[in-house]
């Protein structure tokens, strides 16, 4: 590990807690402070960083808005726990609820509605109870004049460096895949590649072009555009990840609704493709709809996690 890599990891960990419009200035100032301190004292970089302390505490001072309800000692743990619950436990519970509803014979639309209601209710409860618990612990510590730290922070506590090359490759793959899907939808509409009784036909239901195909295309175009923006800026920010999640929601919810209503494929093409005496089972539509929702939710959560690094 080189000195510069240790400094960069420390600076990165500090500025990720700071508003995006202040990050560049504070990062430059922090690098200069570390370099000057090392040179002036003749100390090692590790010693200087250890003296500066935990990045989250330093970030609270730089941002000039330390948490009031939950102090800087507890706030990093509070944030990690809350983000973990909301980004991991809550989606898993929602997915399990949707699967149970579908297994009970409910439509995908009804299952999604129940899951959304549960997410809002349980999510609010998680935020309220976790916040109240940490606030009580914070008040108890202050009454006793204690601190929440159990041991001194050291540079060994810094997270591993972010592999930007791998992240960029994943973003590029996502952009290419969604572009191909977008082009394929438009191509089948124009080229009408399926032969039906000697005539050309679209694979997807032509009626979609009077309504539901447009939010699907808008969602796909938004996903592609945001992936390309990220490749240009090299970083996911929380606002960018939020818009990315909205684009995925528009796309995935529209596709799931169309699948739940068996409206995706041209009925005549589907009948001809299946042949006499066979019908596409409802389970195909339901499982496919849930898969689309799960993949889109996973992508959105992944981008939020990358934005926080």
C-alpha atoms as a PDB file:
ATOM      1  CA  UNK A   1       0.000   0.000   0.000  1.00  0.00           C
ATOM      2  CA  UNK A   2       1.477   3.337  -1.035  1.00  0.00           C
ATOM      3  CA  UNK A   3       1.161   6.541   0.939  1.00  0.00           C
ATOM      4  CA  UNK A   4      -0.834   8.204  -1.806  1.00  0.00           C
ATOM      5  CA  UNK A   5      -3.316   5.327  -1.944  1.00  0.00           C
ATOM      6  CA  UNK A   6      -3.824   5.542   1.827  1.00  0.00           C
ATOM      7  CA  UNK A   7      -4.446   9.287   1.615  1.00  0.00           C
ATOM      8  CA  UNK A   8      -6.846   8.870  -1.290  1.00  0.00           C
ATOM      9  CA  UNK A   9      -8.796   6.209   0.559  1.00  0.00           C
ATOM     10  CA  UNK A  10      -9.066   8.467   3.605  1.00  0.00           C
ATOM     11  CA  UNK A  11     -10.090  11.504   1.554  1.00  0.00           C
ATOM     12  CA  UNK A  12     -12.654   9.467  -0.373  1.00  0.00           C
ATOM     13  CA  UNK A  13     -14.160   8.165   2.854  1.00  0.00           C
ATOM     14  CA  UNK A  14     -14.417  11.703   4.274  1.00  0.00           C
ATOM     15  CA  UNK A  15     -15.976  13.415   1.267  1.00  0.00           C
ATOM     16  CA  UNK A  16     -18.617  10.756   0.658  1.00  0.00           C
ATOM     17  CA  UNK A  17     -20.370  12.052   3.800  1.00  0.00           C
ATOM     18  CA  UNK A  18     -20.323  15.629   2.450  1.00  0.00           C
ATOM     19  CA  UNK A  19     -22.745  17.283  -0.023  1.00  0.00           C
ATOM     20  CA  UNK A  20     -21.633  16.742  -3.622  1.00  0.00           C
ATOM     21  CA  UNK A  21     -21.146  20.448  -4.381  1.00  0.00           C
ATOM     22  CA  UNK A  22     -18.510  20.721  -1.608  1.00  0.00           C
ATOM     23  CA  UNK A  23     -16.597  17.493  -2.217  1.00  0.00           C
ATOM     24  CA  UNK A  24     -13.932  18.680  -4.674  1.00  0.00           C
ATOM     25  CA  UNK A  25     -12.891  21.708  -2.615  1.00  0.00           C
ATOM     26  CA  UNK A  26     -12.782  19.778   0.645  1.00  0.00           C
ATOM     27  CA  UNK A  27     -10.896  16.891  -0.970  1.00  0.00           C
ATOM     28  CA  UNK A  28      -8.193  19.261  -2.255  1.00  0.00           C
ATOM     29  CA  UNK A  29      -7.963  21.003   1.114  1.00  0.00           C
ATOM     30  CA  UNK A  30      -7.740  17.705   2.966  1.00  0.00           C
ATOM     31  CA  UNK A  31      -4.983  16.329   0.712  1.00  0.00           C
ATOM     32  CA  UNK A  32      -2.957  19.506   1.224  1.00  0.00           C
ATOM     33  CA  UNK A  33      -3.479  19.385   4.998  1.00  0.00           C
ATOM     34  CA  UNK A  34      -2.303  15.783   5.205  1.00  0.00           C
ATOM     35  CA  UNK A  35       0.767  16.437   3.039  1.00  0.00           C
ATOM     36  CA  UNK A  36       1.722  19.593   4.975  1.00  0.00           C
ATOM     37  CA  UNK A  37       1.306  17.867   8.339  1.00  0.00           C
ATOM     38  CA  UNK A  38       3.424  14.903   7.285  1.00  0.00           C
ATOM     39  CA  UNK A  39       6.171  17.217   6.022  1.00  0.00           C
ATOM     40  CA  UNK A  40       6.095  19.602   8.993  1.00  0.00           C
ATOM     41  CA  UNK A  41       6.171  16.946  11.696  1.00  0.00           C
ATOM     42  CA  UNK A  42       8.288  14.372   9.923  1.00  0.00           C
ATOM     43  CA  UNK A  43       5.615  11.856  10.858  1.00  0.00           C
ATOM     44  CA  UNK A  44       4.335   8.960   8.809  1.00  0.00           C
ATOM     45  CA  UNK A  45       1.140   9.288   6.885  1.00  0.00           C
ATOM     46  CA  UNK A  46      -0.484   6.575   8.983  1.00  0.00           C
ATOM     47  CA  UNK A  47       0.285   8.513  12.184  1.00  0.00           C
ATOM     48  CA  UNK A  48      -1.225  11.703  10.774  1.00  0.00           C
ATOM     49  CA  UNK A  49      -4.393   9.949   9.625  1.00  0.00           C
ATOM     50  CA  UNK A  50      -4.762   8.182  12.960  1.00  0.00           C
ATOM     51  CA  UNK A  51      -4.537  11.546  14.730  1.00  0.00           C
ATOM     52  CA  UNK A  52      -7.128  13.070  12.389  1.00  0.00           C
ATOM     53  CA  UNK A  53      -9.550  10.357  13.421  1.00  0.00           C
ATOM     54  CA  UNK A  54     -12.559   8.656  11.898  1.00  0.00           C
ATOM     55  CA  UNK A  55     -13.567  10.058   8.484  1.00  0.00           C
ATOM     56  CA  UNK A  56     -17.224  10.400   9.447  1.00  0.00           C
ATOM     57  CA  UNK A  57     -16.388  12.595  12.449  1.00  0.00           C
ATOM     58  CA  UNK A  58     -14.080  14.783  10.370  1.00  0.00           C
ATOM     59  CA  UNK A  59     -16.739  15.050   7.662  1.00  0.00           C
ATOM     60  CA  UNK A  60     -19.276  16.262  10.229  1.00  0.00           C
ATOM     61  CA  UNK A  61     -16.953  19.142  11.117  1.00  0.00           C
ATOM     62  CA  UNK A  62     -16.261  20.007   7.483  1.00  0.00           C
ATOM     63  CA  UNK A  63     -19.946  19.959   6.579  1.00  0.00           C
ATOM     64  CA  UNK A  64     -20.670  22.266   9.532  1.00  0.00           C
ATOM     65  CA  UNK A  65     -23.912  20.462  10.235  1.00  0.00           C
ATOM     66  CA  UNK A  66     -23.226  17.665  12.693  1.00  0.00           C
ATOM     67  CA  UNK A  67     -26.201  15.457  13.505  1.00  0.00           C
ATOM     68  CA  UNK A  68     -28.134  16.918  16.429  1.00  0.00           C
ATOM     69  CA  UNK A  69     -30.413  14.037  17.360  1.00  0.00           C
ATOM     70  CA  UNK A  70     -27.657  11.440  16.889  1.00  0.00           C
ATOM     71  CA  UNK A  71     -24.079  12.581  17.479  1.00  0.00           C
ATOM     72  CA  UNK A  72     -21.070  11.929  15.249  1.00  0.00           C
ATOM     73  CA  UNK A  73     -19.903   8.961  17.328  1.00  0.00           C
ATOM     74  CA  UNK A  74     -23.093   7.000  16.720  1.00  0.00           C
ATOM     75  CA  UNK A  75     -24.189   8.491  13.408  1.00  0.00           C
ATOM     76  CA  UNK A  76     -21.992   6.320  11.106  1.00  0.00           C
ATOM     77  CA  UNK A  77     -23.277   3.133  12.759  1.00  0.00           C
ATOM     78  CA  UNK A  78     -26.838   4.452  12.682  1.00  0.00           C
ATOM     79  CA  UNK A  79     -26.599   5.282   8.996  1.00  0.00           C
ATOM     80  CA  UNK A  80     -25.060   1.939   8.039  1.00  0.00           C
ATOM     81  CA  UNK A  81     -27.704   0.006   9.965  1.00  0.00           C
ATOM     82  CA  UNK A  82     -30.598   2.004   8.555  1.00  0.00           C
ATOM     83  CA  UNK A  83     -29.316   1.849   4.978  1.00  0.00           C
ATOM     84  CA  UNK A  84     -28.714  -1.880   5.348  1.00  0.00           C
ATOM     85  CA  UNK A  85     -32.241  -2.493   6.603  1.00  0.00           C
ATOM     86  CA  UNK A  86     -33.888  -0.347   3.930  1.00  0.00           C
ATOM     87  CA  UNK A  87     -31.776  -1.588   1.015  1.00  0.00           C
ATOM     88  CA  UNK A  88     -31.544  -5.285   1.906  1.00  0.00           C
ATOM     89  CA  UNK A  89     -34.067  -6.520   4.458  1.00  0.00           C
ATOM     90  CA  UNK A  90     -37.006  -4.436   3.236  1.00  0.00           C
ATOM     91  CA  UNK A  91     -36.707  -5.458  -0.471  1.00  0.00           C
ATOM     92  CA  UNK A  92     -36.348  -9.123   0.532  1.00  0.00           C
ATOM     93  CA  UNK A  93     -39.486  -8.948   2.668  1.00  0.00           C
ATOM     94  CA  UNK A  94     -41.346  -7.202  -0.172  1.00  0.00           C
ATOM     95  CA  UNK A  95     -40.231  -9.845  -2.691  1.00  0.00           C
ATOM     96  CA  UNK A  96     -41.269 -12.656  -0.346  1.00  0.00           C
ATOM     97  CA  UNK A  97     -44.678 -11.039   0.153  1.00  0.00           C
ATOM     98  CA  UNK A  98     -45.200 -10.734  -3.620  1.00  0.00           C
ATOM     99  CA  UNK A  99     -44.275 -14.386  -4.155  1.00  0.00           C
ATOM    100  CA  UNK A 100     -46.697 -15.495  -1.434  1.00  0.00           C
ATOM    101  CA  UNK A 101     -49.501 -13.370  -2.905  1.00  0.00           C
ATOM    102  CA  UNK A 102     -48.912 -14.779  -6.396  1.00  0.00           C
ATOM    103  CA  UNK A 103     -48.789 -18.310  -4.983  1.00  0.00           C
ATOM    104  CA  UNK A 104     -52.163 -17.629  -3.310  1.00  0.00           C
ATOM    105  CA  UNK A 105     -53.650 -16.830  -6.698  1.00  0.00           C
ATOM    106  CA  UNK A 106     -53.529 -13.044  -6.634  1.00  0.00           C
ATOM    107  CA  UNK A 107     -52.633 -11.159  -9.804  1.00  0.00           C
ATOM    108  CA  UNK A 108     -49.213  -9.583 -10.201  1.00  0.00           C
ATOM    109  CA  UNK A 109     -50.832  -6.138 -10.011  1.00  0.00           C
ATOM    110  CA  UNK A 110     -52.470  -6.942  -6.675  1.00  0.00           C
ATOM    111  CA  UNK A 111     -49.219  -8.451  -5.391  1.00  0.00           C
ATOM    112  CA  UNK A 112     -47.288  -5.311  -6.352  1.00  0.00           C
ATOM    113  CA  UNK A 113     -49.884  -3.109  -4.656  1.00  0.00           C
ATOM    114  CA  UNK A 114     -49.643  -5.110  -1.446  1.00  0.00           C
ATOM    115  CA  UNK A 115     -45.852  -4.997  -1.543  1.00  0.00           C
ATOM    116  CA  UNK A 116     -45.800  -1.219  -2.068  1.00  0.00           C
ATOM    117  CA  UNK A 117     -48.126  -0.705   0.891  1.00  0.00           C
ATOM    118  CA  UNK A 118     -45.959  -2.969   3.031  1.00  0.00           C
ATOM    119  CA  UNK A 119     -42.756  -1.170   1.985  1.00  0.00           C
ATOM    120  CA  UNK A 120     -44.183   2.221   2.946  1.00  0.00           C
ATOM    121  CA  UNK A 121     -45.548   0.996   6.271  1.00  0.00           C
ATOM    122  CA  UNK A 122     -42.650  -1.206   7.374  1.00  0.00           C
ATOM    123  CA  UNK A 123     -40.048   1.244   6.013  1.00  0.00           C
ATOM    124  CA  UNK A 124     -41.512   4.064   8.077  1.00  0.00           C
ATOM    125  CA  UNK A 125     -41.557   1.814  11.150  1.00  0.00           C
ATOM    126  CA  UNK A 126     -37.912   0.834  10.606  1.00  0.00           C
ATOM    127  CA  UNK A 127     -36.812   4.460  10.346  1.00  0.00           C
ATOM    128  CA  UNK A 128     -38.826   5.517  13.393  1.00  0.00           C
ATOM    129  CA  UNK A 129     -37.767   2.704  15.734  1.00  0.00           C
ATOM    130  CA  UNK A 130     -34.086   2.664  14.753  1.00  0.00           C
ATOM    131  CA  UNK A 131     -33.880   6.458  15.082  1.00  0.00           C
ATOM    132  CA  UNK A 132     -35.588   6.409  18.465  1.00  0.00           C
ATOM    133  CA  UNK A 133     -33.279   3.649  19.725  1.00  0.00           C
ATOM    134  CA  UNK A 134     -30.109   5.495  18.698  1.00  0.00           C
ATOM    135  CA  UNK A 135     -31.436   8.793  20.054  1.00  0.00           C
ATOM    136  CA  UNK A 136     -32.036   7.168  23.454  1.00  0.00           C
ATOM    137  CA  UNK A 137     -28.541   5.658  23.455  1.00  0.00           C
ATOM    138  CA  UNK A 138     -27.063   9.046  22.483  1.00  0.00           C
ATOM    139  CA  UNK A 139     -28.883  10.816  25.308  1.00  0.00           C
ATOM    140  CA  UNK A 140     -27.831   8.158  27.810  1.00  0.00           C
ATOM    141  CA  UNK A 141     -24.171   8.501  26.797  1.00  0.00           C
ATOM    142  CA  UNK A 142     -24.259  12.281  27.092  1.00  0.00           C
ATOM    143  CA  UNK A 143     -25.834  12.114  30.547  1.00  0.00           C
ATOM    144  CA  UNK A 144     -22.977   9.919  31.718  1.00  0.00           C
ATOM    145  CA  UNK A 145     -20.363  11.987  29.897  1.00  0.00           C
ATOM    146  CA  UNK A 146     -19.387   8.918  27.913  1.00  0.00           C
ATOM    147  CA  UNK A 147     -18.623   8.417  24.236  1.00  0.00           C
ATOM    148  CA  UNK A 148     -19.900   5.810  21.837  1.00  0.00           C
ATOM    149  CA  UNK A 149     -16.479   4.752  20.606  1.00  0.00           C
ATOM    150  CA  UNK A 150     -15.228   1.453  21.933  1.00  0.00           C
ATOM    151  CA  UNK A 151     -11.722   1.756  20.486  1.00  0.00           C
ATOM    152  CA  UNK A 152      -9.549   4.269  18.682  1.00  0.00           C
ATOM    153  CA  UNK A 153      -9.948   4.583  14.928  1.00  0.00           C
ATOM    154  CA  UNK A 154      -6.977   3.573  12.767  1.00  0.00           C
ATOM    155  CA  UNK A 155      -6.331   3.622   8.995  1.00  0.00           C
ATOM    156  CA  UNK A 156      -6.877  -0.147   9.027  1.00  0.00           C
ATOM    157  CA  UNK A 157     -10.588   0.658   9.404  1.00  0.00           C
ATOM    158  CA  UNK A 158     -10.698   2.268   5.960  1.00  0.00           C
ATOM    159  CA  UNK A 159     -12.753   0.261   3.447  1.00  0.00           C
ATOM    160  CA  UNK A 160     -11.014  -1.426   0.545  1.00  0.00           C
ATOM    161  CA  UNK A 161     -10.426   0.737  -2.546  1.00  0.00           C
ATOM    162  CA  UNK A 162     -13.324   0.914  -4.977  1.00  0.00           C
ATOM    163  CA  UNK A 163     -12.633  -0.940  -8.237  1.00  0.00           C
ATOM    164  CA  UNK A 164     -13.771   1.690 -10.703  1.00  0.00           C
ATOM    165  CA  UNK A 165     -12.759  -0.340 -13.755  1.00  0.00           C
ATOM    166  CA  UNK A 166     -15.093  -3.186 -12.824  1.00  0.00           C
ATOM    167  CA  UNK A 167     -17.862  -0.704 -12.017  1.00  0.00           C
ATOM    168  CA  UNK A 168     -17.407   0.988 -15.403  1.00  0.00           C
ATOM    169  CA  UNK A 169     -17.559  -2.351 -17.215  1.00  0.00           C
ATOM    170  CA  UNK A 170     -20.827  -3.228 -15.451  1.00  0.00           C
ATOM    171  CA  UNK A 171     -22.320   0.146 -16.362  1.00  0.00           C
ATOM    172  CA  UNK A 172     -21.256  -0.245 -19.992  1.00  0.00           C
ATOM    173  CA  UNK A 173     -22.774  -3.735 -20.112  1.00  0.00           C
ATOM    174  CA  UNK A 174     -26.039  -2.376 -18.733  1.00  0.00           C
ATOM    175  CA  UNK A 175     -26.064   0.446 -21.289  1.00  0.00           C
ATOM    176  CA  UNK A 176     -25.435  -1.959 -24.183  1.00  0.00           C
ATOM    177  CA  UNK A 177     -28.072  -4.452 -23.016  1.00  0.00           C
ATOM    178  CA  UNK A 178     -30.828  -1.865 -22.555  1.00  0.00           C
ATOM    179  CA  UNK A 179     -29.914  -0.224 -25.873  1.00  0.00           C
ATOM    180  CA  UNK A 180     -30.278  -3.574 -27.660  1.00  0.00           C
ATOM    181  CA  UNK A 181     -33.630  -4.135 -25.957  1.00  0.00           C
ATOM    182  CA  UNK A 182     -34.801  -0.662 -26.977  1.00  0.00           C
ATOM    183  CA  UNK A 183     -33.679  -1.168 -30.587  1.00  0.00           C
ATOM    184  CA  UNK A 184     -35.232  -4.647 -30.723  1.00  0.00           C
ATOM    185  CA  UNK A 185     -38.643  -3.355 -29.629  1.00  0.00           C
ATOM    186  CA  UNK A 186     -38.614  -0.630 -32.264  1.00  0.00           C
ATOM    187  CA  UNK A 187     -37.220  -2.984 -34.943  1.00  0.00           C
ATOM    188  CA  UNK A 188     -39.952  -5.605 -34.492  1.00  0.00           C
ATOM    189  CA  UNK A 189     -42.535  -2.823 -34.776  1.00  0.00           C
ATOM    190  CA  UNK A 190     -41.084  -1.541 -38.056  1.00  0.00           C
ATOM    191  CA  UNK A 191     -39.840  -4.767 -39.672  1.00  0.00           C
ATOM    192  CA  UNK A 192     -42.707  -7.043 -38.546  1.00  0.00           C
ATOM    193  CA  UNK A 193     -40.459 -10.119 -38.601  1.00  0.00           C
ATOM    194  CA  UNK A 194     -43.059 -12.822 -37.868  1.00  0.00           C
ATOM    195  CA  UNK A 195     -44.802 -14.579 -40.764  1.00  0.00           C
ATOM    196  CA  UNK A 196     -48.484 -15.146 -40.074  1.00  0.00           C
ATOM    197  CA  UNK A 197     -50.562 -16.701 -42.862  1.00  0.00           C
ATOM    198  CA  UNK A 198     -48.236 -15.232 -45.464  1.00  0.00           C
ATOM    199  CA  UNK A 199     -48.375 -11.736 -43.977  1.00  0.00           C
ATOM    200  CA  UNK A 200     -45.873  -9.925 -41.773  1.00  0.00           C
ATOM    201  CA  UNK A 201     -46.748  -9.343 -38.132  1.00  0.00           C
ATOM    202  CA  UNK A 202     -45.227  -7.811 -35.033  1.00  0.00           C
ATOM    203  CA  UNK A 203     -44.245 -10.092 -32.185  1.00  0.00           C
ATOM    204  CA  UNK A 204     -45.478  -7.664 -29.525  1.00  0.00           C
ATOM    205  CA  UNK A 205     -49.125  -6.678 -29.356  1.00  0.00           C
ATOM    206  CA  UNK A 206     -49.674  -3.727 -31.757  1.00  0.00           C
ATOM    207  CA  UNK A 207     -52.182  -2.284 -29.266  1.00  0.00           C
ATOM    208  CA  UNK A 208     -49.276  -1.493 -26.946  1.00  0.00           C
ATOM    209  CA  UNK A 209     -48.257   1.340 -29.249  1.00  0.00           C
ATOM    210  CA  UNK A 210     -51.425   3.156 -28.251  1.00  0.00           C
ATOM    211  CA  UNK A 211     -50.391   3.202 -24.605  1.00  0.00           C
ATOM    212  CA  UNK A 212     -48.131   0.998 -22.505  1.00  0.00           C
ATOM    213  CA  UNK A 213     -45.185   0.708 -24.879  1.00  0.00           C
ATOM    214  CA  UNK A 214     -44.301   4.371 -24.334  1.00  0.00           C
ATOM    215  CA  UNK A 215     -43.446   4.225 -20.607  1.00  0.00           C
ATOM    216  CA  UNK A 216     -41.462   1.064 -21.383  1.00  0.00           C
ATOM    217  CA  UNK A 217     -39.456   2.881 -24.064  1.00  0.00           C
ATOM    218  CA  UNK A 218     -39.066   6.000 -21.907  1.00  0.00           C
ATOM    219  CA  UNK A 219     -37.790   3.896 -19.022  1.00  0.00           C
ATOM    220  CA  UNK A 220     -35.301   2.085 -21.269  1.00  0.00           C
ATOM    221  CA  UNK A 221     -34.086   5.342 -22.819  1.00  0.00           C
ATOM    222  CA  UNK A 222     -33.659   6.848 -19.355  1.00  0.00           C
ATOM    223  CA  UNK A 223     -31.628   3.875 -18.133  1.00  0.00           C
ATOM    224  CA  UNK A 224     -29.344   4.060 -21.173  1.00  0.00           C
ATOM    225  CA  UNK A 225     -28.876   7.830 -20.854  1.00  0.00           C
ATOM    226  CA  UNK A 226     -28.052   7.642 -17.141  1.00  0.00           C
ATOM    227  CA  UNK A 227     -25.560   4.820 -17.666  1.00  0.00           C
ATOM    228  CA  UNK A 228     -23.818   6.898 -20.340  1.00  0.00           C
ATOM    229  CA  UNK A 229     -23.760   9.919 -18.011  1.00  0.00           C
ATOM    230  CA  UNK A 230     -22.130   7.782 -15.325  1.00  0.00           C
ATOM    231  CA  UNK A 231     -19.494   6.573 -17.779  1.00  0.00           C
ATOM    232  CA  UNK A 232     -18.691  10.225 -18.496  1.00  0.00           C
ATOM    233  CA  UNK A 233     -18.600  11.428 -14.880  1.00  0.00           C
ATOM    234  CA  UNK A 234     -17.031   8.171 -13.567  1.00  0.00           C
ATOM    235  CA  UNK A 235     -19.123   8.279 -10.380  1.00  0.00           C
ATOM    236  CA  UNK A 236     -22.651   7.550  -9.272  1.00  0.00           C
ATOM    237  CA  UNK A 237     -24.082  10.318  -7.109  1.00  0.00           C
ATOM    238  CA  UNK A 238     -27.186   9.962  -4.963  1.00  0.00           C
ATOM    239  CA  UNK A 239     -29.306  12.242  -7.233  1.00  0.00           C
ATOM    240  CA  UNK A 240     -28.121  10.334 -10.317  1.00  0.00           C
ATOM    241  CA  UNK A 241     -28.893   7.020  -8.622  1.00  0.00           C
ATOM    242  CA  UNK A 242     -32.351   8.328  -7.655  1.00  0.00           C
ATOM    243  CA  UNK A 243     -33.192   9.260 -11.254  1.00  0.00           C
ATOM    244  CA  UNK A 244     -31.773   5.907 -12.373  1.00  0.00           C
ATOM    245  CA  UNK A 245     -34.082   4.141  -9.894  1.00  0.00           C
ATOM    246  CA  UNK A 246     -37.047   6.145 -11.216  1.00  0.00           C
ATOM    247  CA  UNK A 247     -36.227   5.099 -14.799  1.00  0.00           C
ATOM    248  CA  UNK A 248     -36.039   1.457 -13.730  1.00  0.00           C
ATOM    249  CA  UNK A 249     -39.346   1.815 -11.873  1.00  0.00           C
ATOM    250  CA  UNK A 250     -41.084   3.247 -14.950  1.00  0.00           C
ATOM    251  CA  UNK A 251     -39.736   0.426 -17.117  1.00  0.00           C
ATOM    252  CA  UNK A 252     -40.190  -2.486 -14.708  1.00  0.00           C
ATOM    253  CA  UNK A 253     -43.642  -1.557 -13.388  1.00  0.00           C
ATOM    254  CA  UNK A 254     -44.939  -1.032 -16.933  1.00  0.00           C
ATOM    255  CA  UNK A 255     -43.562  -4.366 -18.137  1.00  0.00           C
ATOM    256  CA  UNK A 256     -44.897  -6.151 -15.048  1.00  0.00           C
ATOM    257  CA  UNK A 257     -48.372  -4.700 -15.575  1.00  0.00           C
ATOM    258  CA  UNK A 258     -48.399  -5.652 -19.262  1.00  0.00           C
ATOM    259  CA  UNK A 259     -47.277  -9.187 -18.412  1.00  0.00           C
ATOM    260  CA  UNK A 260     -49.834  -9.546 -15.619  1.00  0.00           C
ATOM    261  CA  UNK A 261     -52.579  -8.644 -18.114  1.00  0.00           C
ATOM    262  CA  UNK A 262     -51.181 -10.983 -20.806  1.00  0.00           C
ATOM    263  CA  UNK A 263     -50.884  -7.969 -23.108  1.00  0.00           C
ATOM    264  CA  UNK A 264     -47.240  -8.299 -24.172  1.00  0.00           C
ATOM    265  CA  UNK A 265     -47.453 -10.508 -27.268  1.00  0.00           C
ATOM    266  CA  UNK A 266     -49.704 -10.289 -30.299  1.00  0.00           C
ATOM    267  CA  UNK A 267     -52.497 -12.815 -29.519  1.00  0.00           C
ATOM    268  CA  UNK A 268     -52.565 -14.116 -33.097  1.00  0.00           C
ATOM    269  CA  UNK A 269     -48.802 -14.584 -33.184  1.00  0.00           C
ATOM    270  CA  UNK A 270     -48.858 -16.303 -29.790  1.00  0.00           C
ATOM    271  CA  UNK A 271     -51.613 -18.699 -30.877  1.00  0.00           C
ATOM    272  CA  UNK A 272     -49.742 -19.543 -34.069  1.00  0.00           C
ATOM    273  CA  UNK A 273     -46.464 -20.016 -32.195  1.00  0.00           C
ATOM    274  CA  UNK A 274     -47.955 -22.248 -29.480  1.00  0.00           C
ATOM    275  CA  UNK A 275     -49.887 -24.401 -31.910  1.00  0.00           C
ATOM    276  CA  UNK A 276     -53.309 -25.962 -31.375  1.00  0.00           C
ATOM    277  CA  UNK A 277     -54.232 -27.271 -27.964  1.00  0.00           C
ATOM    278  CA  UNK A 278     -51.582 -25.422 -25.963  1.00  0.00           C
ATOM    279  CA  UNK A 279     -51.768 -22.155 -24.069  1.00  0.00           C
ATOM    280  CA  UNK A 280     -49.004 -20.187 -22.380  1.00  0.00           C
ATOM    281  CA  UNK A 281     -49.483 -20.806 -18.634  1.00  0.00           C
ATOM    282  CA  UNK A 282     -50.214 -17.938 -16.275  1.00  0.00           C
ATOM    283  CA  UNK A 283     -47.136 -18.884 -14.267  1.00  0.00           C
ATOM    284  CA  UNK A 284     -44.926 -17.824 -17.186  1.00  0.00           C
ATOM    285  CA  UNK A 285     -46.288 -14.284 -17.090  1.00  0.00           C
ATOM    286  CA  UNK A 286     -46.223 -14.028 -13.304  1.00  0.00           C
ATOM    287  CA  UNK A 287     -42.699 -15.394 -12.877  1.00  0.00           C
ATOM    288  CA  UNK A 288     -41.375 -13.219 -15.721  1.00  0.00           C
ATOM    289  CA  UNK A 289     -43.004 -10.119 -14.237  1.00  0.00           C
ATOM    290  CA  UNK A 290     -41.501 -10.812 -10.816  1.00  0.00           C
ATOM    291  CA  UNK A 291     -38.092 -11.465 -12.396  1.00  0.00           C
ATOM    292  CA  UNK A 292     -38.179  -8.100 -14.193  1.00  0.00           C
ATOM    293  CA  UNK A 293     -39.125  -6.336 -10.959  1.00  0.00           C
ATOM    294  CA  UNK A 294     -36.412  -8.139  -8.995  1.00  0.00           C
ATOM    295  CA  UNK A 295     -33.664  -7.372 -11.519  1.00  0.00           C
ATOM    296  CA  UNK A 296     -34.630  -3.698 -11.766  1.00  0.00           C
ATOM    297  CA  UNK A 297     -34.831  -3.360  -7.983  1.00  0.00           C
ATOM    298  CA  UNK A 298     -31.425  -5.003  -7.657  1.00  0.00           C
ATOM    299  CA  UNK A 299     -29.899  -2.614 -10.190  1.00  0.00           C
ATOM    300  CA  UNK A 300     -31.376   0.420  -8.442  1.00  0.00           C
ATOM    301  CA  UNK A 301     -30.115  -0.719  -5.022  1.00  0.00           C
ATOM    302  CA  UNK A 302     -26.671  -1.429  -6.465  1.00  0.00           C
ATOM    303  CA  UNK A 303     -26.373   2.114  -7.853  1.00  0.00           C
ATOM    304  CA  UNK A 304     -27.354   3.651  -4.514  1.00  0.00           C
ATOM    305  CA  UNK A 305     -24.670   1.583  -2.801  1.00  0.00           C
ATOM    306  CA  UNK A 306     -22.083   2.714  -5.348  1.00  0.00           C
ATOM    307  CA  UNK A 307     -23.153   6.337  -4.848  1.00  0.00           C
ATOM    308  CA  UNK A 308     -22.452   6.071  -1.110  1.00  0.00           C
ATOM    309  CA  UNK A 309     -18.904   4.751  -1.596  1.00  0.00           C
END
